[in-house]
PDB file of N, CA and C in Angstrom:
ATOM      1  N   MET A   1    -138.923  45.618  -5.976  1.00  0.00           N
ATOM      2  CA  MET A   1    -137.661  44.928  -6.042  1.00  0.00           C
ATOM      3  C   MET A   1    -136.553  45.937  -5.802  1.00  0.00           C
ATOM      4  N   SER A   2    -135.645  45.636  -4.902  1.00  0.00           N
ATOM      5  CA  SER A   2    -134.577  46.590  -4.633  1.00  0.00           C
ATOM      6  C   SER A   2    -133.455  46.422  -5.647  1.00  0.00           C
ATOM      7  N   ALA A   3    -132.711  47.475  -5.803  1.00  0.00           N
ATOM      8  CA  ALA A   3    -131.647  47.498  -6.798  1.00  0.00           C
ATOM      9  C   ALA A   3    -130.386  46.829  -6.270  1.00  0.00           C
ATOM     10  N   ASN A   4    -129.584  46.342  -7.182  1.00  0.00           N
ATOM     11  CA  ASN A   4    -128.266  45.830  -6.812  1.00  0.00           C
ATOM     12  C   ASN A   4    -127.223  46.772  -7.387  1.00  0.00           C
ATOM     13  N   PRO A   5    -125.924  46.587  -7.089  1.00  0.00           N
ATOM     14  CA  PRO A   5    -124.914  47.531  -7.556  1.00  0.00           C
ATOM     15  C   PRO A   5    -124.821  47.674  -9.074  1.00  0.00           C
ATOM     16  N   PHE A   6    -125.360  46.707  -9.804  1.00  0.00           N
ATOM     17  CA  PHE A   6    -125.268  46.759 -11.259  1.00  0.00           C
ATOM     18  C   PHE A   6    -126.533  47.300 -11.909  1.00  0.00           C
ATOM     19  N   THR A   7    -127.517  47.682 -11.114  1.00  0.00           N
ATOM     20  CA  THR A   7    -128.787  48.179 -11.627  1.00  0.00           C
ATOM     21  C   THR A   7    -128.742  49.696 -11.747  1.00  0.00           C
ATOM     22  N   ILE A   8    -129.266  50.218 -12.821  1.00  0.00           N
ATOM     23  CA  ILE A   8    -129.408  51.656 -12.989  1.00  0.00           C
ATOM     24  C   ILE A   8    -130.874  51.988 -12.726  1.00  0.00           C
ATOM     25  N   VAL A   9    -131.125  52.811 -11.727  1.00  0.00           N
ATOM     26  CA  VAL A   9    -132.482  53.190 -11.368  1.00  0.00           C
ATOM     27  C   VAL A   9    -132.715  54.601 -11.884  1.00  0.00           C
ATOM     28  N   THR A  10    -133.753  54.771 -12.678  1.00  0.00           N
ATOM     29  CA  THR A  10    -134.055  56.092 -13.224  1.00  0.00           C
ATOM     30  C   THR A  10    -135.370  56.589 -12.643  1.00  0.00           C
ATOM     31  N   ASN A  11    -135.529  57.900 -12.633  1.00  0.00           N
ATOM     32  CA  ASN A  11    -136.734  58.552 -12.125  1.00  0.00           C
ATOM     33  C   ASN A  11    -137.047  58.148 -10.692  1.00  0.00           C
ATOM     34  N   ASP A  12    -136.016  57.949  -9.894  1.00  0.00           N
ATOM     35  CA  ASP A  12    -136.201  57.559  -8.497  1.00  0.00           C
ATOM     36  C   ASP A  12    -135.306  58.456  -7.645  1.00  0.00           C
ATOM     37  N   PRO A  13    -135.902  59.286  -6.755  1.00  0.00           N
ATOM     38  CA  PRO A  13    -135.082  60.193  -5.947  1.00  0.00           C
ATOM     39  C   PRO A  13    -134.161  59.475  -4.971  1.00  0.00           C
ATOM     40  N   THR A  14    -134.416  58.197  -4.703  1.00  0.00           N
ATOM     41  CA  THR A  14    -133.550  57.447  -3.792  1.00  0.00           C
ATOM     42  C   THR A  14    -132.535  56.587  -4.540  1.00  0.00           C
ATOM     43  N   ALA A  15    -132.363  56.826  -5.835  1.00  0.00           N
ATOM     44  CA  ALA A  15    -131.481  56.000  -6.654  1.00  0.00           C
ATOM     45  C   ALA A  15    -130.046  55.991  -6.140  1.00  0.00           C
ATOM     46  N   ALA A  16    -129.549  57.132  -5.674  1.00  0.00           N
ATOM     47  CA  ALA A  16    -128.162  57.185  -5.191  1.00  0.00           C
ATOM     48  C   ALA A  16    -127.970  56.276  -3.987  1.00  0.00           C
ATOM     49  N   VAL A  17    -128.963  56.180  -3.128  1.00  0.00           N
ATOM     50  CA  VAL A  17    -128.870  55.313  -1.962  1.00  0.00           C
ATOM     51  C   VAL A  17    -128.924  53.850  -2.382  1.00  0.00           C
ATOM     52  N   LYS A  18    -129.783  53.529  -3.330  1.00  0.00           N
ATOM     53  CA  LYS A  18    -129.964  52.138  -3.740  1.00  0.00           C
ATOM     54  C   LYS A  18    -128.825  51.620  -4.599  1.00  0.00           C
ATOM     55  N   THR A  19    -128.208  52.476  -5.393  1.00  0.00           N
ATOM     56  CA  THR A  19    -127.200  52.000  -6.336  1.00  0.00           C
ATOM     57  C   THR A  19    -125.817  52.598  -6.112  1.00  0.00           C
ATOM     58  N   GLY A  20    -125.677  53.519  -5.163  1.00  0.00           N
ATOM     59  CA  GLY A  20    -124.403  54.190  -4.953  1.00  0.00           C
ATOM     60  C   GLY A  20    -123.353  53.307  -4.308  1.00  0.00           C
ATOM     61  N   VAL A  21    -122.120  53.773  -4.331  1.00  0.00           N
ATOM     62  CA  VAL A  21    -120.996  53.032  -3.783  1.00  0.00           C
ATOM     63  C   VAL A  21    -121.179  52.764  -2.296  1.00  0.00           C
ATOM     64  N   GLY A  22    -121.715  53.718  -1.540  1.00  0.00           N
ATOM     65  CA  GLY A  22    -121.876  53.562  -0.100  1.00  0.00           C
ATOM     66  C   GLY A  22    -123.173  52.898   0.318  1.00  0.00           C
ATOM     67  N   ARG A  23    -123.856  52.248  -0.618  1.00  0.00           N
ATOM     68  CA  ARG A  23    -125.147  51.618  -0.341  1.00  0.00           C
ATOM     69  C   ARG A  23    -125.038  50.676   0.846  1.00  0.00           C
ATOM     70  N   HIS A  24    -125.923  50.791   1.810  1.00  0.00           N
ATOM     71  CA  HIS A  24    -125.987  49.957   3.015  1.00  0.00           C
ATOM     72  C   HIS A  24    -124.759  50.104   3.900  1.00  0.00           C
ATOM     73  N   GLU A  25    -123.957  51.081   3.681  1.00  0.00           N
ATOM     74  CA  GLU A  25    -122.743  51.212   4.487  1.00  0.00           C
ATOM     75  C   GLU A  25    -123.044  52.092   5.677  1.00  0.00           C
ATOM     76  N   MET A  26    -122.512  53.256   5.738  1.00  0.00           N
ATOM     77  CA  MET A  26    -122.730  54.100   6.894  1.00  0.00           C
ATOM     78  C   MET A  26    -122.566  55.559   6.509  1.00  0.00           C
ATOM     79  N   LYS A  27    -123.033  56.420   7.375  1.00  0.00           N
ATOM     80  CA  LYS A  27    -122.765  57.833   7.218  1.00  0.00           C
ATOM     81  C   LYS A  27    -121.967  58.278   8.425  1.00  0.00           C
ATOM     82  N   GLU A  28    -121.143  59.276   8.236  1.00  0.00           N
ATOM     83  CA  GLU A  28    -120.363  59.800   9.341  1.00  0.00           C
ATOM     84  C   GLU A  28    -121.007  61.086   9.822  1.00  0.00           C
ATOM     85  N   ASP A  29    -121.082  61.228  11.124  1.00  0.00           N
ATOM     86  CA  ASP A  29    -121.660  62.427  11.694  1.00  0.00           C
ATOM     87  C   ASP A  29    -120.679  63.577  11.547  1.00  0.00           C
ATOM     88  N   ASP A  30    -121.203  64.783  11.585  1.00  0.00           N
ATOM     89  CA  ASP A  30    -120.345  65.963  11.444  1.00  0.00           C
ATOM     90  C   ASP A  30    -119.677  66.341  12.766  1.00  0.00           C
ATOM     91  N   GLY A  31    -119.812  65.512  13.792  1.00  0.00           N
ATOM     92  CA  GLY A  31    -119.143  65.801  15.054  1.00  0.00           C
ATOM     93  C   GLY A  31    -119.962  66.651  16.004  1.00  0.00           C
ATOM     94  N   GLY A  32    -121.254  66.802  15.718  1.00  0.00           N
ATOM     95  CA  GLY A  32    -122.109  67.584  16.605  1.00  0.00           C
ATOM     96  C   GLY A  32    -122.222  66.949  17.977  1.00  0.00           C
ATOM     97  N   ALA A  33    -122.499  67.750  18.973  1.00  0.00           N
ATOM     98  CA  ALA A  33    -122.583  67.278  20.349  1.00  0.00           C
ATOM     99  C   ALA A  33    -123.682  66.230  20.505  1.00  0.00           C
ATOM    100  N   LEU A  34    -123.377  65.168  21.205  1.00  0.00           N
ATOM    101  CA  LEU A  34    -124.307  64.102  21.574  1.00  0.00           C
ATOM    102  C   LEU A  34    -124.854  63.306  20.399  1.00  0.00           C
ATOM    103  N   ALA A  35    -124.297  63.466  19.233  1.00  0.00           N
ATOM    104  CA  ALA A  35    -124.765  62.723  18.067  1.00  0.00           C
ATOM    105  C   ALA A  35    -123.896  61.484  17.867  1.00  0.00           C
ATOM    106  N   PRO A  36    -124.456  60.415  17.311  1.00  0.00           N
ATOM    107  CA  PRO A  36    -123.637  59.235  17.028  1.00  0.00           C
ATOM    108  C   PRO A  36    -122.550  59.552  16.020  1.00  0.00           C
ATOM    109  N   THR A  37    -121.433  58.839  16.125  1.00  0.00           N
ATOM    110  CA  THR A  37    -120.310  59.056  15.225  1.00  0.00           C
ATOM    111  C   THR A  37    -120.513  58.349  13.896  1.00  0.00           C
ATOM    112  N   LYS A  38    -121.003  57.108  13.938  1.00  0.00           N
ATOM    113  CA  LYS A  38    -121.261  56.323  12.731  1.00  0.00           C
ATOM    114  C   LYS A  38    -122.661  55.753  12.823  1.00  0.00           C
ATOM    115  N   VAL A  39    -123.356  55.739  11.696  1.00  0.00           N
ATOM    116  CA  VAL A  39    -124.705  55.191  11.638  1.00  0.00           C
ATOM    117  C   VAL A  39    -124.799  54.306  10.403  1.00  0.00           C
ATOM    118  N   TRP A  40    -125.276  53.077  10.584  1.00  0.00           N
ATOM    119  CA  TRP A  40    -125.495  52.162   9.468  1.00  0.00           C
ATOM    120  C   TRP A  40    -126.957  52.211   9.090  1.00  0.00           C
ATOM    121  N   LEU A  41    -127.230  52.320   7.786  1.00  0.00           N
ATOM    122  CA  LEU A  41    -128.590  52.469   7.270  1.00  0.00           C
ATOM    123  C   LEU A  41    -128.912  51.388   6.255  1.00  0.00           C
ATOM    124  N   ASP A  42    -130.198  51.118   6.088  1.00  0.00           N
ATOM    125  CA  ASP A  42    -130.674  50.354   4.943  1.00  0.00           C
ATOM    126  C   ASP A  42    -131.916  51.062   4.411  1.00  0.00           C
ATOM    127  N   GLU A  43    -132.679  50.415   3.525  1.00  0.00           N
ATOM    128  CA  GLU A  43    -133.845  51.078   2.940  1.00  0.00           C
ATOM    129  C   GLU A  43    -134.903  51.422   3.975  1.00  0.00           C
ATOM    130  N   VAL A  44    -134.953  50.697   5.097  1.00  0.00           N
ATOM    131  CA  VAL A  44    -135.971  50.908   6.117  1.00  0.00           C
ATOM    132  C   VAL A  44    -135.599  52.036   7.070  1.00  0.00           C
ATOM    133  N   GLY A  45    -134.309  52.177   7.368  1.00  0.00           N
ATOM    134  CA  GLY A  45    -133.869  53.216   8.287  1.00  0.00           C
ATOM    135  C   GLY A  45    -132.577  52.836   8.979  1.00  0.00           C
ATOM    136  N   ILE A  46    -132.386  53.329  10.198  1.00  0.00           N
ATOM    137  CA  ILE A  46    -131.157  53.074  10.946  1.00  0.00           C
ATOM    138  C   ILE A  46    -131.137  51.631  11.431  1.00  0.00           C
ATOM    139  N   VAL A  47    -130.000  50.964  11.228  1.00  0.00           N
ATOM    140  CA  VAL A  47    -129.808  49.584  11.674  1.00  0.00           C
ATOM    141  C   VAL A  47    -129.003  49.562  12.967  1.00  0.00           C
ATOM    142  N   ALA A  48    -127.922  50.341  13.017  1.00  0.00           N
ATOM    143  CA  ALA A  48    -127.045  50.369  14.191  1.00  0.00           C
ATOM    144  C   ALA A  48    -126.267  51.674  14.190  1.00  0.00           C
ATOM    145  N   GLU A  49    -125.646  51.984  15.352  1.00  0.00           N
ATOM    146  CA  GLU A  49    -124.826  53.193  15.446  1.00  0.00           C
ATOM    147  C   GLU A  49    -123.731  52.999  16.488  1.00  0.00           C
ATOM    148  N   ILE A  50    -122.710  53.815  16.366  1.00  0.00           N
ATOM    149  CA  ILE A  50    -121.623  53.870  17.348  1.00  0.00           C
ATOM    150  C   ILE A  50    -121.490  55.321  17.770  1.00  0.00           C
ATOM    151  N   GLY A  51    -121.297  55.543  19.072  1.00  0.00           N
ATOM    152  CA  GLY A  51    -121.163  56.907  19.552  1.00  0.00           C
ATOM    153  C   GLY A  51    -120.555  56.967  20.942  1.00  0.00           C
ATOM    154  N   ARG A  52    -120.531  58.158  21.512  1.00  0.00           N
ATOM    155  CA  ARG A  52    -120.024  58.373  22.871  1.00  0.00           C
ATOM    156  C   ARG A  52    -121.182  58.602  23.821  1.00  0.00           C
ATOM    157  N   GLY A  53    -120.952  58.265  25.083  1.00  0.00           N
ATOM    158  CA  GLY A  53    -121.980  58.454  26.101  1.00  0.00           C
ATOM    159  C   GLY A  53    -122.261  59.923  26.358  1.00  0.00           C
ATOM    160  N   ILE A  54    -123.450  60.202  26.901  1.00  0.00           N
ATOM    161  CA  ILE A  54    -123.824  61.564  27.278  1.00  0.00           C
ATOM    162  C   ILE A  54    -123.319  61.863  28.686  1.00  0.00           C
ATOM    163  N   SER A  55    -123.658  60.992  29.648  1.00  0.00           N
ATOM    164  CA  SER A  55    -123.251  61.224  31.035  1.00  0.00           C
ATOM    165  C   SER A  55    -121.769  60.948  31.249  1.00  0.00           C
ATOM    166  N   ASP A  56    -121.196  60.057  30.444  1.00  0.00           N
ATOM    167  CA  ASP A  56    -119.763  59.764  30.527  1.00  0.00           C
ATOM    168  C   ASP A  56    -119.207  59.661  29.111  1.00  0.00           C
ATOM    169  N   PRO A  57    -118.618  60.748  28.599  1.00  0.00           N
ATOM    170  CA  PRO A  57    -118.121  60.735  27.227  1.00  0.00           C
ATOM    171  C   PRO A  57    -116.916  59.813  27.010  1.00  0.00           C
ATOM    172  N   ASN A  58    -116.397  59.206  28.077  1.00  0.00           N
ATOM    173  CA  ASN A  58    -115.327  58.227  27.918  1.00  0.00           C
ATOM    174  C   ASN A  58    -115.859  56.871  27.469  1.00  0.00           C
ATOM    175  N   ILE A  59    -117.162  56.676  27.577  1.00  0.00           N
ATOM    176  CA  ILE A  59    -117.779  55.411  27.161  1.00  0.00           C
ATOM    177  C   ILE A  59    -118.089  55.473  25.669  1.00  0.00           C
ATOM    178  N   THR A  60    -117.672  54.454  24.953  1.00  0.00           N
ATOM    179  CA  THR A  60    -118.039  54.296  23.548  1.00  0.00           C
ATOM    180  C   THR A  60    -119.077  53.183  23.494  1.00  0.00           C
ATOM    181  N   TYR A  61    -120.209  53.455  22.887  1.00  0.00           N
ATOM    182  CA  TYR A  61    -121.273  52.457  22.831  1.00  0.00           C
ATOM    183  C   TYR A  61    -121.552  52.022  21.406  1.00  0.00           C
ATOM    184  N   PHE A  62    -122.151  50.859  21.287  1.00  0.00           N
ATOM    185  CA  PHE A  62    -122.729  50.337  20.060  1.00  0.00           C
ATOM    186  C   PHE A  62    -124.222  50.233  20.324  1.00  0.00           C
ATOM    187  N   ALA A  63    -125.055  50.713  19.433  1.00  0.00           N
ATOM    188  CA  ALA A  63    -126.501  50.636  19.634  1.00  0.00           C
ATOM    189  C   ALA A  63    -127.147  49.882  18.481  1.00  0.00           C
ATOM    190  N   SER A  64    -128.081  49.019  18.828  1.00  0.00           N
ATOM    191  CA  SER A  64    -128.900  48.326  17.841  1.00  0.00           C
ATOM    192  C   SER A  64    -130.299  48.194  18.418  1.00  0.00           C
ATOM    193  N   TYR A  65    -131.202  47.607  17.679  1.00  0.00           N
ATOM    194  CA  TYR A  65    -132.599  47.543  18.093  1.00  0.00           C
ATOM    195  C   TYR A  65    -132.999  46.117  18.454  1.00  0.00           C
ATOM    196  N   ASN A  66    -133.808  45.986  19.533  1.00  0.00           N
ATOM    197  CA  ASN A  66    -134.276  44.659  19.915  1.00  0.00           C
ATOM    198  C   ASN A  66    -135.518  44.299  19.101  1.00  0.00           C
ATOM    199  N   THR A  67    -136.130  43.156  19.394  1.00  0.00           N
ATOM    200  CA  THR A  67    -137.275  42.694  18.609  1.00  0.00           C
ATOM    201  C   THR A  67    -138.497  43.587  18.744  1.00  0.00           C
ATOM    202  N   ASN A  68    -138.548  44.420  19.784  1.00  0.00           N
ATOM    203  CA  ASN A  68    -139.652  45.357  19.961  1.00  0.00           C
ATOM    204  C   ASN A  68    -139.369  46.720  19.336  1.00  0.00           C
ATOM    205  N   GLY A  69    -138.218  46.867  18.700  1.00  0.00           N
ATOM    206  CA  GLY A  69    -137.863  48.134  18.071  1.00  0.00           C
ATOM    207  C   GLY A  69    -137.277  49.153  19.016  1.00  0.00           C
ATOM    208  N   VAL A  70    -136.915  48.735  20.237  1.00  0.00           N
ATOM    209  CA  VAL A  70    -136.325  49.642  21.222  1.00  0.00           C
ATOM    210  C   VAL A  70    -134.815  49.690  21.012  1.00  0.00           C
ATOM    211  N   LYS A  71    -134.267  50.888  20.957  1.00  0.00           N
ATOM    212  CA  LYS A  71    -132.823  51.030  20.796  1.00  0.00           C
ATOM    213  C   LYS A  71    -132.130  50.590  22.085  1.00  0.00           C
ATOM    214  N   CYS A  72    -131.148  49.706  21.950  1.00  0.00           N
ATOM    215  CA  CYS A  72    -130.389  49.207  23.093  1.00  0.00           C
ATOM    216  C   CYS A  72    -128.935  49.610  22.938  1.00  0.00           C
ATOM    217  N   TYR A  73    -128.366  50.156  24.001  1.00  0.00           N
ATOM    218  CA  TYR A  73    -126.975  50.599  24.019  1.00  0.00           C
ATOM    219  C   TYR A  73    -126.129  49.501  24.660  1.00  0.00           C
ATOM    220  N   ILE A  74    -125.049  49.136  24.002  1.00  0.00           N
ATOM    221  CA  ILE A  74    -124.167  48.065  24.466  1.00  0.00           C
ATOM    222  C   ILE A  74    -122.786  48.669  24.665  1.00  0.00           C
ATOM    223  N   TYR A  75    -122.217  48.470  25.870  1.00  0.00           N
ATOM    224  CA  TYR A  75    -120.893  49.027  26.166  1.00  0.00           C
ATOM    225  C   TYR A  75    -120.242  48.221  27.283  1.00  0.00           C
ATOM    226  N   PRO A  76    -118.909  48.306  27.424  1.00  0.00           N
ATOM    227  CA  PRO A  76    -118.222  47.534  28.467  1.00  0.00           C
ATOM    228  C   PRO A  76    -118.528  48.087  29.859  1.00  0.00           C
ATOM    229  N   ASN A  77    -118.518  47.200  30.864  1.00  0.00           N
ATOM    230  CA  ASN A  77    -118.718  47.674  32.236  1.00  0.00           C
ATOM    231  C   ASN A  77    -117.453  48.363  32.737  1.00  0.00           C
ATOM    232  N   ALA A  78    -117.533  49.008  33.895  1.00  0.00           N
ATOM    233  CA  ALA A  78    -116.410  49.796  34.430  1.00  0.00           C
ATOM    234  C   ALA A  78    -115.172  48.948  34.682  1.00  0.00           C
ATOM    235  N   ALA A  79    -115.361  47.693  35.079  1.00  0.00           N
ATOM    236  CA  ALA A  79    -114.221  46.821  35.362  1.00  0.00           C
ATOM    237  C   ALA A  79    -113.597  46.252  34.087  1.00  0.00           C
ATOM    238  N   GLY A  80    -114.314  46.355  32.974  1.00  0.00           N
ATOM    239  CA  GLY A  80    -113.800  45.798  31.723  1.00  0.00           C
ATOM    240  C   GLY A  80    -113.924  44.281  31.661  1.00  0.00           C
ATOM    241  N   THR A  81    -114.791  43.712  32.495  1.00  0.00           N
ATOM    242  CA  THR A  81    -114.941  42.264  32.553  1.00  0.00           C
ATOM    243  C   THR A  81    -116.253  41.766  31.966  1.00  0.00           C
ATOM    244  N   GLY A  82    -117.077  42.652  31.471  1.00  0.00           N
ATOM    245  CA  GLY A  82    -118.368  42.265  30.909  1.00  0.00           C
ATOM    246  C   GLY A  82    -118.970  43.410  30.131  1.00  0.00           C
ATOM    247  N   ILE A  83    -120.190  43.207  29.665  1.00  0.00           N
ATOM    248  CA  ILE A  83    -120.870  44.251  28.914  1.00  0.00           C
ATOM    249  C   ILE A  83    -122.167  44.634  29.597  1.00  0.00           C
ATOM    250  N   VAL A  84    -122.600  45.855  29.324  1.00  0.00           N
ATOM    251  CA  VAL A  84    -123.861  46.374  29.828  1.00  0.00           C
ATOM    252  C   VAL A  84    -124.772  46.573  28.626  1.00  0.00           C
ATOM    253  N   VAL A  85    -126.016  46.168  28.764  1.00  0.00           N
ATOM    254  CA  VAL A  85    -127.024  46.418  27.732  1.00  0.00           C
ATOM    255  C   VAL A  85    -128.147  47.195  28.405  1.00  0.00           C
ATOM    256  N   SER A  86    -128.444  48.372  27.863  1.00  0.00           N
ATOM    257  CA  SER A  86    -129.423  49.242  28.487  1.00  0.00           C
ATOM    258  C   SER A  86    -130.199  50.015  27.424  1.00  0.00           C
ATOM    259  N   ALA A  87    -131.439  50.352  27.736  1.00  0.00           N
ATOM    260  CA  ALA A  87    -132.238  51.201  26.842  1.00  0.00           C
ATOM    261  C   ALA A  87    -131.930  52.676  27.053  1.00  0.00           C
ATOM    262  N   THR A  88    -131.068  52.980  28.025  1.00  0.00           N
ATOM    263  CA  THR A  88    -130.673  54.355  28.331  1.00  0.00           C
ATOM    264  C   THR A  88    -129.251  54.606  27.825  1.00  0.00           C
ATOM    265  N   GLN A  89    -129.083  55.685  27.096  1.00  0.00           N
ATOM    266  CA  GLN A  89    -127.757  56.016  26.581  1.00  0.00           C
ATOM    267  C   GLN A  89    -126.819  56.333  27.738  1.00  0.00           C
ATOM    268  N   PRO A  90    -125.597  55.749  27.730  1.00  0.00           N
ATOM    269  CA  PRO A  90    -124.654  56.006  28.831  1.00  0.00           C
ATOM    270  C   PRO A  90    -124.221  57.460  28.887  1.00  0.00           C
TER     271      PRO A  90
END
């Protein structure tokens, strides 16, 4: 059973994640090259992320996972009239 914000979990090394203020929220990257800027987590792992492209750092992408567990990058097209969804980071 997972904890809620009012539960005190003892003798559990993951207690801060399960009961802390930032539970299920996000972590901020330290600004390292090619790393996502924001990452949303849950007990299973990464849910989604926001970051900059590798080949074009002017592109800001949102990434989430499809039903097969493949990370998909979502970002606006060059004309700004639609979106691109790709398994390759921009």
